[in-house]
Protein backbone atom coordinates (compact mmCIF):
# COMPACT_ATOMS: atom_id res chain seq x y z
CA MET A 1 -48.02 23.84 9.31
CA ILE A 2 -44.28 24.02 9.86
CA ASN A 3 -42.89 21.54 12.35
CA SER A 4 -43.14 22.91 15.90
CA ASN A 5 -39.60 21.66 16.60
CA PHE A 6 -38.35 24.15 14.04
CA TYR A 7 -39.92 27.01 16.00
CA LEU A 8 -38.08 25.77 19.06
CA ILE A 9 -34.80 25.74 17.13
CA LEU A 10 -35.43 29.26 15.89
CA LEU A 11 -36.21 30.55 19.33
CA LEU A 12 -33.05 28.98 20.71
CA VAL A 13 -30.78 30.62 18.16
CA LEU A 14 -32.29 34.12 18.04
CA PRO A 15 -30.01 35.51 20.78
CA PHE A 16 -26.81 34.48 18.99
CA PHE A 17 -26.57 36.99 16.10
CA ALA A 18 -23.33 38.19 14.52
CA CYS A 19 -21.78 39.20 11.15
CA THR A 20 -20.24 36.79 8.65
CA PRO A 21 -18.08 36.82 5.54
CA LYS A 22 -19.57 35.90 2.18
CA VAL A 23 -19.56 32.29 1.08
CA ALA A 24 -19.38 31.11 -2.52
CA GLU A 25 -22.55 29.35 -3.56
CA PRO A 26 -24.82 28.78 -6.56
CA ILE A 27 -26.01 31.76 -8.54
CA ILE A 28 -29.54 32.65 -7.43
CA SER A 29 -31.76 34.96 -9.42
CA GLU A 30 -32.84 38.25 -7.86
CA PRO A 31 -35.85 37.35 -5.68
CA GLU A 32 -39.30 38.60 -6.46
CA PRO A 33 -40.99 41.00 -4.05
CA VAL A 34 -44.05 39.86 -2.14
CA VAL A 35 -46.99 40.59 -4.38
CA GLN A 36 -50.44 40.65 -2.91
CA VAL A 37 -52.91 38.95 -5.23
CA ARG A 38 -56.58 38.25 -4.89
CA GLN A 39 -56.31 34.68 -6.12
CA GLU A 40 -53.25 32.92 -4.72
CA PRO A 41 -52.15 29.61 -6.23
CA ASP A 42 -52.91 26.45 -4.30
CA ASN A 43 -50.13 25.59 -1.90
CA PRO A 44 -49.94 22.85 0.76
CA CYS A 45 -48.28 25.30 3.17
CA MET A 46 -49.76 28.29 4.97
CA THR A 47 -50.06 31.33 2.71
CA LEU A 48 -50.97 34.96 3.32
CA ALA A 49 -54.50 34.41 1.99
CA LYS A 50 -55.19 31.67 4.52
CA LEU A 51 -54.33 33.87 7.48
CA SER A 52 -56.77 35.95 9.50
CA PRO A 53 -56.66 39.65 8.53
CA GLY A 54 -54.64 40.53 11.62
CA ASP A 55 -52.06 37.79 11.10
CA ARG A 56 -51.85 38.57 7.41
CA ASP A 57 -51.00 42.17 8.19
CA LYS A 58 -48.31 41.03 10.63
CA ALA A 59 -46.84 38.61 8.09
CA GLU A 60 -46.77 41.13 5.23
CA THR A 61 -45.14 43.71 7.47
CA ALA A 62 -42.56 41.20 8.70
CA TYR A 63 -41.77 40.14 5.12
CA THR A 64 -41.16 43.74 4.08
CA LEU A 65 -39.13 44.68 7.14
CA TYR A 66 -36.83 41.67 7.22
CA ARG A 67 -35.89 42.18 3.57
CA ASP A 68 -35.11 45.81 4.25
CA GLN A 69 -32.79 44.73 7.07
CA ILE A 70 -31.03 42.22 4.82
CA LYS A 71 -30.45 44.90 2.17
CA LEU A 72 -28.91 47.09 4.87
CA LYS A 73 -26.83 44.10 6.03
CA TYR A 74 -28.42 44.23 9.48
CA LEU A 75 -28.67 40.48 9.71
CA ASN A 76 -29.05 40.41 13.49
CA GLU A 77 -32.20 42.49 13.15
CA ALA A 78 -33.40 40.60 10.07
CA LEU A 79 -33.58 37.14 11.62
CA PRO A 80 -36.39 37.65 14.16
CA LEU A 81 -38.44 39.46 11.49
CA TRP A 82 -37.80 36.64 9.02
CA HIS A 83 -38.77 34.16 11.70
CA GLU A 84 -42.08 35.95 12.30
CA ALA A 85 -42.90 36.08 8.59
CA PHE A 86 -41.89 32.47 7.97
CA ALA A 87 -43.72 31.16 11.02
CA LEU A 88 -46.98 32.85 9.96
CA ALA A 89 -46.86 32.18 6.20
CA PRO A 90 -43.89 30.09 5.08
CA ALA A 91 -45.26 29.95 1.52
CA GLY A 92 -45.70 33.73 1.25
CA ASN A 93 -48.29 34.40 -1.42
CA GLY A 94 -48.07 30.81 -2.62
CA ARG A 95 -45.71 31.34 -5.48
CA VAL A 96 -42.66 33.26 -4.21
CA LYS A 97 -39.71 31.24 -2.93
CA TYR A 98 -37.07 33.77 -1.99
CA GLN A 99 -37.97 33.53 1.71
CA PHE A 100 -36.44 30.05 1.80
CA ASP A 101 -33.19 31.32 0.27
CA ASP A 102 -33.17 34.23 2.71
CA GLY A 103 -33.61 31.94 5.69
CA VAL A 104 -30.77 29.69 4.53
CA LYS A 105 -28.57 32.74 3.97
CA LEU A 106 -29.26 34.04 7.48
CA TYR A 107 -28.56 30.74 9.23
CA LYS A 108 -25.42 30.10 7.17
CA HIS A 109 -24.27 33.53 8.30
CA PHE A 110 -24.61 32.68 11.99
CA PHE A 111 -23.26 29.15 11.44
CA ALA A 112 -20.04 30.63 10.02
CA GLU A 113 -19.67 33.15 12.82
CA THR A 114 -19.66 30.82 15.81
CA ASP A 115 -17.23 28.19 17.04
CA ASP A 116 -19.78 26.83 19.52
CA VAL A 117 -20.50 23.24 18.49
CA ALA A 118 -23.98 23.21 20.03
CA LYS A 119 -24.97 26.41 18.22
CA LYS A 120 -23.55 25.15 14.93
CA LYS A 121 -25.68 22.02 15.26
CA ILE A 122 -28.79 24.13 15.82
CA TYR A 123 -28.00 26.34 12.83
CA ALA A 124 -27.32 23.30 10.62
CA ASP A 125 -30.62 21.72 11.66
CA SER A 126 -32.39 25.00 10.91
CA ILE A 127 -30.93 25.13 7.39
CA ILE A 128 -31.98 21.56 6.68
CA THR A 129 -35.47 22.25 8.02
CA ILE A 130 -35.88 25.29 5.76
CA TYR A 131 -34.83 23.26 2.72
CA ASN A 132 -37.24 20.48 3.66
CA LYS A 133 -40.04 22.99 4.16
CA ARG A 134 -39.43 24.37 0.69
CA VAL A 135 -39.84 20.89 -0.76
CA GLU A 136 -43.09 20.52 1.20
CA CYS A 137 -44.42 23.84 -0.10
CA HIS A 138 -43.10 23.42 -3.65
CA PRO A 139 -42.79 19.71 -4.44
CA ASP A 140 -41.82 20.44 -8.05
CA ASP A 141 -38.60 22.01 -6.74
CA ALA A 142 -37.51 18.87 -4.92
CA ASP A 143 -34.64 17.95 -7.26
CA TYR A 144 -33.17 21.45 -7.27
CA VAL A 145 -33.62 21.93 -3.52
CA ASN A 146 -31.99 18.61 -2.67
CA ALA A 147 -29.09 19.53 -4.96
CA ARG A 148 -28.70 22.83 -3.14
CA LEU A 149 -28.82 21.06 0.20
CA GLY A 150 -26.17 18.62 -1.00
CA PHE A 151 -23.97 21.55 -2.03
CA ASP A 152 -24.40 23.28 1.33
CA SER A 153 -23.94 20.02 3.19
CA TYR A 154 -20.53 19.58 1.58
CA TYR A 155 -19.19 23.13 1.55
CA THR A 156 -20.82 24.67 4.63
CA LEU A 157 -22.33 22.21 7.08
CA GLY A 158 -19.48 19.70 6.96
CA ASP A 159 -19.33 17.46 10.02
CA TYR A 160 -22.79 18.57 11.12
CA VAL A 161 -24.31 16.69 8.22
CA GLY A 162 -21.63 14.24 7.13
CA GLU A 163 -20.07 13.46 3.77
CA ASN A 164 -22.22 10.38 3.24
CA GLU A 165 -25.43 12.39 3.38
CA ALA A 166 -23.95 15.11 1.17
CA PHE A 167 -22.80 12.50 -1.33
CA ASP A 168 -26.18 10.76 -1.39
CA ARG A 169 -27.96 14.05 -2.11
CA LEU A 170 -25.53 15.02 -4.87
CA LYS A 171 -25.71 11.54 -6.36
CA ALA A 172 -29.50 11.75 -6.34
CA ALA A 173 -29.19 14.94 -8.39
CA PHE A 174 -27.25 13.04 -11.06
CA ASP A 175 -29.72 10.15 -10.89
CA SER A 176 -32.55 12.58 -11.52
CA LYS A 177 -31.01 14.94 -14.08
CA GLY A 178 -28.11 13.07 -15.68
CA LYS A 179 -26.07 15.41 -17.86
CA ASP A 180 -28.67 18.15 -17.26
CA VAL A 181 -27.66 18.31 -13.59
CA GLU A 182 -27.26 21.74 -11.99
CA TYR A 183 -23.73 23.02 -12.59
CA PHE A 184 -22.95 23.63 -8.92
CA VAL A 185 -23.39 19.93 -8.11
CA ILE A 186 -20.51 18.74 -10.27
CA ASN A 187 -17.34 19.71 -8.39
CA PRO A 188 -18.36 18.57 -4.89
CA PHE A 189 -19.89 15.41 -6.32
CA THR A 190 -16.71 14.67 -8.28
CA LYS A 191 -14.58 15.02 -5.15
CA LEU A 192 -16.82 12.72 -3.12
CA LEU A 193 -17.15 10.27 -6.02
CA TYR A 194 -13.37 10.01 -6.23
CA ASP A 195 -13.05 9.51 -2.48
CA ASN A 196 -15.70 6.79 -2.39
CA ILE A 197 -14.16 4.90 -5.31
CA VAL A 198 -10.64 5.03 -3.86
CA ALA A 199 -11.95 3.97 -0.45
CA GLU A 200 -13.75 1.06 -2.19
CA ASN A 201 -17.14 2.23 -0.94
CA MET A 202 -18.34 2.09 -4.55
CA ASP A 203 -17.47 -0.61 -7.07
CA HIS A 204 -15.79 0.25 -10.35
CA GLU A 205 -18.84 -0.36 -12.51
CA GLU A 206 -20.98 2.10 -10.58
CA GLY A 207 -18.10 4.54 -10.31
CA ARG A 208 -17.56 4.49 -14.08
CA LYS A 209 -21.23 5.17 -14.62
CA TYR A 210 -21.13 8.35 -12.57
CA ALA A 211 -17.75 9.42 -13.94
CA THR A 212 -19.21 9.18 -17.44
CA MET A 213 -22.19 11.24 -16.34
CA VAL A 214 -19.82 13.94 -15.04
CA PHE A 215 -17.90 14.02 -18.33
CA ASP A 216 -21.15 14.21 -20.31
CA ALA A 217 -22.52 17.02 -18.13
CA ILE A 218 -19.35 19.08 -18.55
CA GLU A 219 -19.26 18.57 -22.30
CA GLN A 220 -22.88 19.68 -22.63
CA GLY A 221 -22.42 22.58 -20.21
CA LEU A 222 -19.44 23.96 -22.13
CA ASP A 223 -21.23 23.56 -25.46
CA GLU A 224 -24.50 25.16 -24.37
CA CYS A 225 -23.46 27.73 -21.77
CA ASP A 226 -24.56 31.32 -22.22
CA THR A 227 -24.30 33.54 -19.15
CA ASN A 228 -22.71 30.84 -16.98
CA CYS A 229 -19.68 29.95 -19.11
CA GLU A 230 -17.10 30.99 -16.51
CA SER A 231 -18.63 28.58 -13.99
CA TRP A 232 -18.39 25.75 -16.53
CA GLU A 233 -14.77 26.65 -17.24
CA ILE A 234 -13.99 26.45 -13.51
CA ILE A 235 -15.69 23.06 -13.38
CA ASN A 236 -13.69 21.92 -16.40
CA ASP A 237 -10.47 22.96 -14.66
CA TYR A 238 -11.25 20.67 -11.74
CA ALA A 239 -13.54 17.69 -12.31
CA PRO A 240 -11.86 16.01 -15.32
CA LYS A 241 -8.43 16.22 -13.66
CA ARG A 242 -9.80 14.76 -10.45
CA LEU A 243 -11.38 11.88 -12.36
CA GLU A 244 -8.22 11.43 -14.43
CA ALA A 245 -6.49 10.39 -11.21
CA LEU A 246 -8.67 7.26 -11.27
CA GLU A 247 -6.56 6.05 -14.19
CA GLY A 248 -4.23 4.82 -11.45
CA LEU A 249 -6.78 2.11 -10.57
CA ARG A 250 -6.28 -0.72 -12.99
CA GLY A 251 -9.53 -1.78 -14.59
CA PHE A 252 -11.46 1.33 -13.64
CA TYR A 253 -11.45 2.81 -17.12
CA GLY A 254 -11.64 0.48 -20.09
CA CYS A 255 -9.92 0.37 -23.47
CA GLU A 256 -12.37 2.78 -25.12
CA TYR A 257 -11.65 5.49 -22.54
CA TYR A 258 -7.90 5.35 -23.22
CA THR A 259 -8.19 5.22 -27.00
CA THR A 260 -10.66 8.12 -27.04
CA LYS A 261 -8.54 10.22 -24.72
CA TYR A 262 -4.99 9.48 -25.90
CA MET A 263 -4.99 8.57 -29.60
CA ASP A 264 -5.63 12.18 -30.60
CA LEU A 265 -2.46 13.09 -28.69
CA TYR A 266 -0.53 10.45 -30.63
CA ASN A 267 -1.93 11.67 -33.94
CA THR A 268 -0.63 15.18 -33.29
CA ASN A 269 2.94 13.84 -32.93
CA PRO A 270 3.05 10.34 -34.43
CA GLU A 271 6.87 10.07 -34.51
CA ASP A 272 7.61 11.11 -30.91
CA CYS A 273 8.92 8.04 -29.13
CA GLU A 274 8.05 9.19 -25.62
CA THR A 275 4.44 9.75 -26.71
CA ILE A 276 4.28 6.45 -28.58
CA ASN A 277 5.62 4.42 -25.67
CA ASP A 278 3.52 6.19 -23.05
CA ILE A 279 0.23 5.83 -24.93
CA SER A 280 0.99 2.22 -25.87
CA ARG A 281 1.42 1.39 -22.18
CA LYS A 282 -1.75 3.26 -21.22
CA LEU A 283 -3.85 1.37 -23.77
CA LYS A 284 -2.58 -1.95 -22.45
CA TRP A 285 -3.14 -0.81 -18.86
CA GLY A 286 -6.71 -0.05 -19.92
CA GLY A 287 -7.23 -3.58 -21.19
CA CYS A 288 -6.74 -3.11 -24.95
CA SER A 289 -5.61 -6.39 -26.49
CA ASN A 290 -2.48 -6.73 -28.62
CA ASP A 291 -4.63 -7.12 -31.75
CA HIS A 292 -6.58 -3.93 -31.09
CA PRO A 293 -6.10 -1.65 -34.15
CA ASN A 294 -4.72 1.24 -32.09
CA VAL A 295 -2.29 -1.01 -30.19
CA MET A 296 -1.07 -2.45 -33.51
CA GLU A 297 -0.69 1.06 -34.97
CA LEU A 298 1.40 2.16 -32.01
CA ALA A 299 3.52 -1.01 -32.18
CA ALA A 300 4.29 -0.32 -35.83
CA ALA A 301 5.18 3.32 -35.04
CA LYS A 302 7.45 2.16 -32.25
CA ALA A 303 9.22 -0.37 -34.50
CA LYS A 304 9.75 2.27 -37.17
CA ASN A 305 10.82 5.22 -35.02
CA CYS A 306 11.85 4.04 -31.59
CA TYR A 307 14.07 0.99 -31.72
CA VAL A 308 16.28 0.65 -28.67
CA ALA A 309 18.54 -2.34 -28.09
CA PRO A 310 17.02 -4.37 -25.25
CA PRO A 311 18.99 -4.82 -22.02
CA PRO A 312 20.57 -8.22 -21.37
CA GLU A 313 18.56 -10.97 -19.80
CA GLY A 314 17.82 -10.38 -16.14
CA PRO A 315 15.53 -8.45 -13.81
CA LEU A 316 16.00 -5.15 -15.72
CA LYS A 317 14.86 -6.65 -19.02
CA ARG A 318 11.90 -8.35 -17.30
CA ALA A 319 11.06 -5.02 -15.65
CA PHE A 320 11.00 -3.15 -18.97
CA ASN A 321 8.99 -5.87 -20.69
CA THR A 322 6.45 -5.78 -17.88
CA TYR A 323 6.33 -1.98 -17.94
CA ASN A 324 5.81 -1.86 -21.69
CA GLU A 325 2.90 -4.26 -21.32
CA GLY A 326 1.21 -1.73 -19.01
CA ASN A 327 1.68 -3.83 -15.87
CA TYR A 328 2.85 -0.89 -13.78
CA ARG A 329 2.84 -2.35 -10.30
CA ASP A 330 4.58 -5.57 -11.32
CA ALA A 331 7.14 -3.46 -13.19
CA ILE A 332 7.84 -1.43 -10.06
CA THR A 333 8.55 -4.63 -8.13
CA LEU A 334 10.99 -5.76 -10.82
CA PHE A 335 12.75 -2.38 -11.04
CA GLU A 336 13.18 -2.43 -7.26
CA GLU A 337 14.61 -5.93 -7.51
CA PHE A 338 17.21 -4.65 -9.97
CA VAL A 339 18.01 -1.60 -7.79
CA ASN A 340 18.56 -3.83 -4.77
CA LYS A 341 20.98 -6.09 -6.68
CA THR A 342 23.11 -3.62 -8.63
CA GLU A 343 26.15 -1.96 -7.09
CA ASP A 344 26.07 0.92 -9.58
CA GLN A 345 24.85 3.99 -7.65
CA ASN A 346 23.96 5.91 -10.80
CA LYS A 347 21.80 3.04 -12.04
CA LYS A 348 20.17 2.77 -8.64
CA ALA A 349 19.30 6.45 -8.81
CA LYS A 350 18.13 6.25 -12.42
CA TYR A 351 15.65 3.46 -11.80
CA MET A 352 14.44 4.87 -8.50
CA LEU A 353 13.54 7.99 -10.47
CA LEU A 354 11.84 5.87 -13.12
CA ILE A 355 9.72 4.27 -10.38
CA ALA A 356 8.85 7.78 -9.19
CA LYS A 357 7.75 8.69 -12.72
CA ILE A 358 5.55 5.59 -12.93
CA TYR A 359 3.83 6.56 -9.69
CA TYR A 360 3.40 10.10 -11.00
CA GLY A 361 2.32 9.63 -14.60
CA ASP A 362 0.75 6.20 -14.59
CA ILE A 363 -0.49 5.20 -11.14
CA LYS A 364 -1.23 8.82 -10.10
CA ASN A 365 0.06 8.32 -6.57
CA PHE A 366 1.80 11.60 -5.82
CA PRO A 367 3.06 10.85 -2.27
CA GLN A 368 4.72 7.64 -3.46
CA ALA A 369 6.21 9.45 -6.46
CA ARG A 370 7.80 12.02 -4.15
CA GLN A 371 9.14 9.31 -1.85
CA TYR A 372 10.98 7.57 -4.68
CA ALA A 373 12.21 10.83 -6.20
CA LEU A 374 13.79 11.75 -2.88
CA LYS A 375 15.41 8.31 -2.68
CA ALA A 376 16.83 8.87 -6.16
CA ALA A 377 18.25 12.26 -5.13
CA GLU A 378 19.95 10.66 -2.12
CA LEU A 379 21.65 8.08 -4.34
CA ARG A 380 23.22 10.60 -6.74
CA SER A 381 24.66 13.93 -5.71
CA ALA A 382 24.34 17.18 -7.68
CA TRP A 383 21.37 15.80 -9.63
CA GLY A 384 18.46 18.16 -10.20
CA GLU A 385 16.05 15.93 -12.11
CA PRO A 386 14.38 14.40 -9.02
CA TYR A 387 13.56 17.91 -7.76
CA ILE A 388 12.13 18.85 -11.16
CA LEU A 389 9.79 15.89 -10.83
CA ILE A 390 8.77 16.86 -7.30
CA GLY A 391 8.11 20.40 -8.52
CA LYS A 392 5.81 18.98 -11.20
CA LEU A 393 4.04 16.88 -8.59
CA TYR A 394 3.32 19.97 -6.50
CA ALA A 395 2.36 22.11 -9.48
CA SER A 396 -0.07 19.39 -10.66
CA SER A 397 -1.82 19.28 -7.30
CA GLY A 398 -4.17 22.24 -7.80
CA PRO A 399 -7.20 20.00 -8.50
CA LEU A 400 -6.21 17.65 -5.66
CA CYS A 401 -5.73 20.33 -3.03
CA GLY A 402 -8.38 22.81 -4.14
CA PRO A 403 -11.14 23.43 -6.68
CA GLY A 404 -8.75 23.89 -9.61
CA ARG A 405 -8.74 27.68 -9.26
CA GLY A 406 -8.46 30.08 -6.37
CA TRP A 407 -6.33 30.19 -3.26
CA ASP A 408 -6.04 26.50 -2.33
CA SER A 409 -5.11 25.58 -5.89
CA GLN A 410 -2.75 28.55 -6.37
CA ILE A 411 -0.58 28.15 -3.27
CA VAL A 412 0.77 24.80 -4.50
CA THR A 413 2.89 26.86 -6.91
CA TRP A 414 5.03 28.11 -3.99
CA PRO A 415 6.57 24.75 -3.02
CA ALA A 416 6.66 23.79 -6.71
CA ILE A 417 8.82 26.81 -7.53
CA ASP A 418 10.93 26.06 -4.46
CA MET A 419 11.70 22.64 -5.94
CA PHE A 420 12.48 23.97 -9.41
CA THR A 421 14.83 26.49 -7.79
CA LYS A 422 16.48 23.77 -5.74
CA ALA A 423 16.93 21.68 -8.89
CA LYS A 424 18.99 24.34 -10.66
CA ASN A 425 20.91 25.21 -7.51
CA VAL A 426 22.15 21.64 -7.05
CA ASP A 427 22.49 20.98 -10.79
CA PRO A 428 23.27 24.05 -12.95
CA SER A 429 23.12 21.89 -16.09
CA ILE A 430 19.33 21.89 -15.91
CA SER A 431 18.91 25.59 -15.19
CA ASP A 432 17.16 26.22 -18.51
CA GLU A 433 14.53 23.58 -17.82
CA ALA A 434 14.05 24.70 -14.23
CA ASN A 435 13.67 28.33 -15.32
CA LYS A 436 11.10 27.30 -17.90
CA TRP A 437 8.94 25.69 -15.22
CA ILE A 438 9.44 28.63 -12.85
CA ARG A 439 8.24 31.07 -15.54
CA GLN A 440 5.27 28.86 -16.34
CA TYR A 441 4.00 28.55 -12.78
CA ARG A 442 4.93 31.97 -11.40
CA GLN A 443 1.96 33.48 -13.25
CA TYR A 444 -0.41 31.21 -11.30
CA MET A 445 0.70 32.37 -7.85
CA PRO A 446 -1.84 34.35 -5.80
CA LYS A 447 -2.11 38.10 -6.39
CA LYS A 448 -1.39 40.82 -3.85
CA GLU A 449 -5.05 41.29 -2.99
CA ASP A 450 -5.38 37.55 -2.33
CA ILE A 451 -2.82 37.65 0.45
CA PHE A 452 -3.98 41.06 1.72
CA VAL A 453 -7.53 39.89 2.41
CA ARG A 454 -6.10 37.00 4.44
CA ASN A 455 -3.94 39.31 6.56
CA LEU A 456 -0.78 37.76 5.13
CA SER A 457 2.36 39.43 3.83
CA SER A 458 4.67 38.64 0.95
CA GLY A 459 7.87 37.03 2.21
CA ASP A 460 6.31 35.50 5.31
CA GLY A 461 6.59 31.79 5.99
CA PHE A 462 3.62 29.59 5.10
CA THR A 463 2.86 25.87 5.31
CA VAL A 464 1.06 24.40 2.31
CA GLY A 465 -1.15 21.56 3.50
CA CYS A 466 -2.96 18.83 1.57
CA TRP A 467 -0.60 15.92 0.82
CA ILE A 468 2.29 18.36 0.22
CA GLN A 469 2.91 19.57 3.80
CA GLU A 470 5.82 21.84 2.90
CA ARG A 471 7.02 25.02 4.58
CA THR A 472 7.48 27.73 1.96
CA LYS A 473 7.46 31.50 1.45
CA ILE A 474 4.53 33.68 0.38
CA ARG A 475 4.97 35.27 -3.04
CA THR A 476 2.63 36.99 -5.50
CA ALA A 477 2.26 36.93 -9.24
CA ASP A 478 2.12 40.74 -9.48
């Protein structure tokens, strides 16, 4: 029988009904209707067949009526009927499962509608209890149900469950299914995985294991998707970029990761010096030795195509040598040492901007990159390049500030375009480059309907949050 505490929870929340907006969640197949059968399958929970004739009639009627109310969107009226049906026969006819999904849907509805902390806690507990009851009634569904609960714990229940519990449930889904994990697990798990690794709650070895599982799941999902390909494309827009940011942690990814990821890029343009130097540094940052075949190939390409006379002995030469060996943080220290000693303002600005680029492209620390870019702009007037870099930082923040697509990921284009515009205003010599970036990112701004549904208006002021925290102006792509 269902836990009596759950009945108490349900009775407490029944008076607090209201309407709610829709919430994005996993695709669920159209539920089956209740079918009365003479021989119900065995089920550890109460079923219709186990009830007395009178209670069975009540349960079947309640099942039918509550679903009618849901179809009519009368959720206030649906909940007490669902409660009656679920209390009498939580397993239905022993095989149907839609009643669990319906109960979760109803309580998520009321959870979203209230700001009352006590009520939210009751609704959250009710949702968890329904999920747990489904596992009790259908033990074979345990992996899927726990994955769903992990998803809802992250996206809906928030502080009423806690990120640690959500992460543990999502991690358990990967432990159980590996690359066959349910698609909807991947993005929230990736976000929490990243956070736990950066916060040093998970060591690099374990973090790499799960990052590899995410990559494998996405590769398989994209290769084998049929009706769900758009979902996999959304995942692919987010999770790999979020995990790419872990390249900023030295020793997290090994040599094989960097050679696999970056040598194809070199092979498409084997004479481009910027590409050669960048990939050479990345391989060394990843722990590839100087006698690794790819490192030797890049060194030969650099000697052939990219010779530059070295600077004279001193902190600048040591800084470049350190940088080219992939020792990014030590190189930053040495570049700062040079900046602090030189009296040449243009050189100060140049190497402050180089430090900003290292934080951006190599260490993946966007706030630090912005800080140094702004210092560079202060040191040299009428120079637009630092603002171009800041615009790129903002434009690259879609996967950091949102799911890779949609509103939270689109609005970063507003401050990005602001920076590109500022760049050409202070430095007309780079107008062509700034306009190129403006054209590229304007198409990714929200559409008119996106701002309309949020009761916003084009031209109004708006503060973009996340790490950006910039005041900007609302614009649309259409």
